Amino acid sequence: MQRLGTDVYLERDIKGGVRANAWALAHCLIRSSLPTPMRLNGSEMREQRDCEQHIAVFRQWAGESCASSIIVSSESFSFLRTKEEAEGLDRCFKGLFEEIVPIIIFRDEDKRRLSWAKQLDNMGVKECMAKLDQIDRVDAEWYFDWKDLLGFWAQFGEPLTIDYRSALDEHSSILPAFLSTVNLDSIDLEGDFFLNETLNGSSGWSRLLGRMKRFLFKP
């Protein structure tokens, strides 16, 4: 991707590895009162990040990047909703980019709810989530309010959306649709390197990501 003028923001985890899932940066912006899965399962506490420093490191990296486009990605950004969070996001990105283009993947609501419930269970937070008030639950109605989510991100730029089901029907993967959206159609999915590789027996692709946001191409 760097060869084509695009950088992906990578975070370092506590073991010194790198990840393209910028959930720690997102959590520096998410309201502290919200019990997200990463907070409930202790992931945020284990990393013990200083948010001011973390944001400063991100801003320095973005400011020094020579890329024409930068991708910052995490499902955790979908928790942002409030005025205060919008202001925090604006401060984080202020002066770094000429244009911000939110990219949101949507899918059939029933299947989205089932998939999200399974993910919460896999993260080990389903039981403690059930004990929370609705306003504090990330499986409550507010989280699935598509119009509210689009409205939040429209404050920063016109959102681009990808239909998850249509992408899978056409390519058996979300990646081609995502790469097309960010004008990187020329990337060879068979020949590049990825993080968190999974196999999809129903597709012709031999190297796929479980989620489009977790990838890193060789330089």
Protein backbone atom coordinates (compact mmCIF):
# COMPACT_ATOMS: atom_id res chain seq x y z
CA MET A 1 0.00 0.00 0.00
CA GLN A 2 2.87 2.36 0.73
CA ARG A 3 4.09 1.87 -2.84
CA LEU A 4 0.74 3.25 -3.96
CA GLY A 5 0.86 6.26 -1.65
CA THR A 6 -1.27 4.95 1.23
CA ASP A 7 -0.20 4.39 4.83
CA VAL A 8 -2.06 2.30 7.42
CA TYR A 9 -1.79 3.43 11.03
CA LEU A 10 -0.36 0.61 13.14
CA GLU A 11 -0.43 0.35 16.92
CA ARG A 12 2.07 -1.54 19.05
CA ASP A 13 0.66 -3.94 21.59
CA ILE A 14 2.10 -4.72 25.02
CA LYS A 15 4.14 -7.61 23.56
CA GLY A 16 5.81 -5.36 21.01
CA GLY A 17 3.78 -6.60 18.06
CA VAL A 18 1.89 -4.41 15.64
CA ARG A 19 -1.78 -4.34 14.73
CA ALA A 20 -3.80 -2.42 12.17
CA ASN A 21 -6.80 -2.42 14.51
CA ALA A 22 -6.45 1.01 16.12
CA TRP A 23 -8.76 0.19 19.04
CA ALA A 24 -6.49 1.84 21.62
CA LEU A 25 -6.57 5.16 19.76
CA ALA A 26 -10.34 4.84 19.43
CA HIS A 27 -10.66 4.19 23.17
CA CYS A 28 -8.78 7.40 23.90
CA LEU A 29 -11.72 9.14 22.22
CA ILE A 30 -14.64 7.00 23.43
CA ARG A 31 -16.50 8.38 26.44
CA SER A 32 -14.98 6.91 29.59
CA SER A 33 -18.41 6.01 30.97
CA LEU A 34 -19.10 3.44 28.22
CA PRO A 35 -18.25 -0.17 29.17
CA THR A 36 -16.92 -1.33 25.81
CA PRO A 37 -15.91 -4.98 25.32
CA MET A 38 -12.24 -4.01 25.49
CA ARG A 39 -12.87 -2.37 28.85
CA LEU A 40 -15.00 -5.17 30.21
CA ASN A 41 -12.47 -7.88 29.38
CA GLY A 42 -9.55 -5.88 30.73
CA SER A 43 -7.75 -5.27 27.43
CA GLU A 44 -7.68 -1.51 27.89
CA MET A 45 -6.42 -1.76 31.47
CA ARG A 46 -3.67 -4.21 30.54
CA GLU A 47 -2.22 -1.79 28.00
CA GLN A 48 -2.32 1.13 30.49
CA ARG A 49 -1.88 3.78 27.86
CA ASP A 50 -1.52 7.50 28.52
CA CYS A 51 -4.10 8.83 26.09
CA GLU A 52 -2.54 12.25 25.67
CA GLN A 53 0.77 10.63 24.79
CA HIS A 54 -0.90 8.04 22.57
CA ILE A 55 -2.71 10.71 20.57
CA ALA A 56 0.50 12.76 20.38
CA VAL A 57 2.37 9.75 18.97
CA PHE A 58 -0.38 9.24 16.38
CA ARG A 59 -0.33 12.91 15.39
CA GLN A 60 3.45 12.88 15.03
CA TRP A 61 3.31 9.75 12.86
CA ALA A 62 0.54 11.16 10.66
CA GLY A 63 2.27 14.53 10.40
CA GLU A 64 5.53 12.93 9.28
CA SER A 65 3.94 10.52 6.81
CA CYS A 66 4.70 11.20 3.17
CA ALA A 67 1.64 9.25 2.03
CA SER A 68 -1.13 10.95 0.10
CA SER A 69 -3.73 8.94 2.06
CA ILE A 70 -3.81 7.43 5.54
CA ILE A 71 -6.11 4.68 6.77
CA VAL A 72 -7.01 4.63 10.47
CA SER A 73 -9.31 1.74 11.20
CA SER A 74 -11.08 0.02 14.07
CA GLU A 75 -14.54 -1.30 14.78
CA SER A 76 -14.28 0.59 18.08
CA PHE A 77 -14.81 3.88 16.24
CA SER A 78 -18.43 2.78 15.79
CA PHE A 79 -19.02 3.44 19.52
CA LEU A 80 -18.58 7.19 19.06
CA ARG A 81 -21.82 9.14 19.23
CA THR A 82 -21.68 12.19 21.54
CA LYS A 83 -20.83 15.85 21.01
CA GLU A 84 -17.85 15.54 23.34
CA GLU A 85 -16.52 12.57 21.38
CA ALA A 86 -16.88 14.51 18.13
CA GLU A 87 -14.90 17.36 19.64
CA GLY A 88 -12.19 14.96 20.80
CA LEU A 89 -11.97 13.37 17.36
CA ASP A 90 -11.73 16.81 15.78
CA ARG A 91 -8.83 17.72 18.07
CA CYS A 92 -7.10 14.43 17.32
CA PHE A 93 -7.25 14.92 13.55
CA LYS A 94 -7.07 18.72 13.43
CA GLY A 95 -4.56 20.09 10.95
CA LEU A 96 -3.44 16.64 9.76
CA PHE A 97 -5.71 15.97 6.80
CA GLU A 98 -7.16 18.03 3.98
CA GLU A 99 -10.12 15.66 3.84
CA ILE A 100 -11.59 12.98 6.10
CA VAL A 101 -13.56 10.20 4.41
CA PRO A 102 -15.41 7.89 6.83
CA ILE A 103 -15.84 4.36 5.43
CA ILE A 104 -18.58 2.29 7.03
CA ILE A 105 -19.47 -1.31 6.25
CA PHE A 106 -23.13 -2.17 6.73
CA ARG A 107 -25.00 -5.44 6.62
CA ASP A 108 -28.47 -6.88 7.16
CA GLU A 109 -29.48 -5.80 10.67
CA ASP A 110 -30.62 -9.23 11.88
CA LYS A 111 -27.37 -10.85 10.79
CA ARG A 112 -25.39 -7.95 12.21
CA ARG A 113 -27.03 -8.42 15.59
CA LEU A 114 -26.33 -12.17 15.56
CA SER A 115 -22.73 -11.65 14.52
CA TRP A 116 -22.18 -8.97 17.17
CA ALA A 117 -23.72 -11.15 19.90
CA LYS A 118 -21.38 -13.98 18.92
CA GLN A 119 -18.39 -11.64 18.98
CA LEU A 120 -19.27 -10.36 22.47
CA ASP A 121 -19.58 -13.95 23.64
CA ASN A 122 -16.20 -14.83 22.14
CA MET A 123 -14.66 -11.87 23.94
CA GLY A 124 -16.03 -13.20 27.23
CA VAL A 125 -18.21 -10.18 28.06
CA LYS A 126 -21.72 -11.41 27.24
CA GLU A 127 -22.73 -12.20 30.84
CA CYS A 128 -21.46 -8.99 32.41
CA MET A 129 -22.93 -7.00 29.52
CA ALA A 130 -26.37 -8.40 30.34
CA LYS A 131 -26.21 -6.82 33.81
CA LEU A 132 -25.71 -3.27 32.51
CA ASP A 133 -28.34 -0.60 31.90
CA GLN A 134 -29.45 -0.33 28.27
CA ILE A 135 -27.68 3.00 27.77
CA ASP A 136 -24.39 1.38 28.79
CA ARG A 137 -24.74 -1.73 26.63
CA VAL A 138 -23.07 -1.91 23.24
CA ASP A 139 -25.67 -4.43 22.12
CA ALA A 140 -28.58 -2.06 22.85
CA GLU A 141 -30.71 -0.27 20.26
CA TRP A 142 -28.52 2.86 20.17
CA TYR A 143 -25.59 0.85 18.83
CA PHE A 144 -27.61 -0.46 15.87
CA ASP A 145 -29.04 2.97 14.96
CA TRP A 146 -27.65 3.24 11.44
CA LYS A 147 -28.90 6.79 10.83
CA ASP A 148 -27.34 8.02 14.06
CA LEU A 149 -24.01 6.44 13.17
CA LEU A 150 -24.02 8.01 9.71
CA GLY A 151 -25.03 11.34 11.21
CA PHE A 152 -22.11 11.31 13.63
CA TRP A 153 -19.52 10.64 10.93
CA ALA A 154 -21.11 13.03 8.45
CA GLN A 155 -19.79 15.83 10.68
CA PHE A 156 -16.30 15.06 9.39
CA GLY A 157 -16.93 14.11 5.78
CA GLU A 158 -19.46 12.40 3.56
CA PRO A 159 -19.43 8.71 4.60
CA LEU A 160 -18.77 6.03 2.02
CA THR A 161 -20.59 2.78 2.66
CA ILE A 162 -19.90 -0.80 1.64
CA ASP A 163 -22.65 -3.39 1.50
CA TYR A 164 -21.18 -6.42 3.27
CA ARG A 165 -23.57 -8.95 1.74
CA SER A 166 -23.16 -7.65 -1.80
CA ALA A 167 -19.38 -7.65 -1.44
CA LEU A 168 -19.37 -11.28 -0.31
CA ASP A 169 -21.77 -12.31 -3.06
CA GLU A 170 -19.52 -10.77 -5.68
CA HIS A 171 -16.06 -11.65 -4.38
CA SER A 172 -16.50 -13.97 -1.37
CA SER A 173 -14.51 -11.34 0.54
CA ILE A 174 -14.95 -7.78 1.78
CA LEU A 175 -11.43 -6.81 0.71
CA PRO A 176 -11.96 -6.11 -3.01
CA ALA A 177 -14.86 -3.77 -2.23
CA PHE A 178 -12.82 -1.99 0.42
CA LEU A 179 -9.77 -1.60 -1.82
CA SER A 180 -11.98 -0.29 -4.61
CA THR A 181 -13.47 2.26 -2.21
CA VAL A 182 -10.01 3.60 -1.34
CA ASN A 183 -8.83 3.49 -4.97
CA LEU A 184 -6.41 0.62 -4.45
CA ASP A 185 -7.90 -1.86 -6.91
CA SER A 186 -4.47 -2.67 -8.32
CA ILE A 187 -3.27 -4.47 -5.18
CA ASP A 188 -2.68 -8.18 -5.72
CA LEU A 189 -4.59 -9.94 -2.95
CA GLU A 190 -2.87 -13.23 -3.72
CA GLY A 191 0.63 -11.82 -3.47
CA ASP A 192 0.55 -9.37 -0.57
CA PHE A 193 1.05 -10.00 3.12
CA PHE A 194 -1.71 -9.77 5.71
CA LEU A 195 -2.08 -9.77 9.47
CA ASN A 196 -4.53 -12.19 11.10
CA GLU A 197 -4.84 -14.47 8.08
CA THR A 198 -7.87 -16.75 7.79
CA LEU A 199 -8.90 -19.18 5.10
CA ASN A 200 -12.27 -19.10 3.41
CA GLY A 201 -13.00 -22.43 1.79
CA SER A 202 -15.90 -21.09 -0.25
CA SER A 203 -13.81 -18.46 -2.02
CA GLY A 204 -11.12 -18.45 -4.65
CA TRP A 205 -8.92 -16.27 -2.47
CA SER A 206 -6.23 -18.20 -0.64
CA ARG A 207 -5.31 -15.46 1.87
CA LEU A 208 -8.10 -13.51 3.46
CA LEU A 209 -8.62 -11.44 6.56
CA GLY A 210 -11.40 -12.12 9.02
CA ARG A 211 -12.03 -8.36 8.99
CA MET A 212 -10.93 -5.84 6.41
CA LYS A 213 -9.42 -3.53 8.96
CA ARG A 214 -6.64 -5.86 10.06
CA PHE A 215 -4.17 -5.96 7.24
CA LEU A 216 -0.62 -4.95 6.44
CA PHE A 217 0.95 -5.19 3.02
CA LYS A 218 4.65 -5.78 2.46
CA PRO A 219 6.63 -2.61 1.69
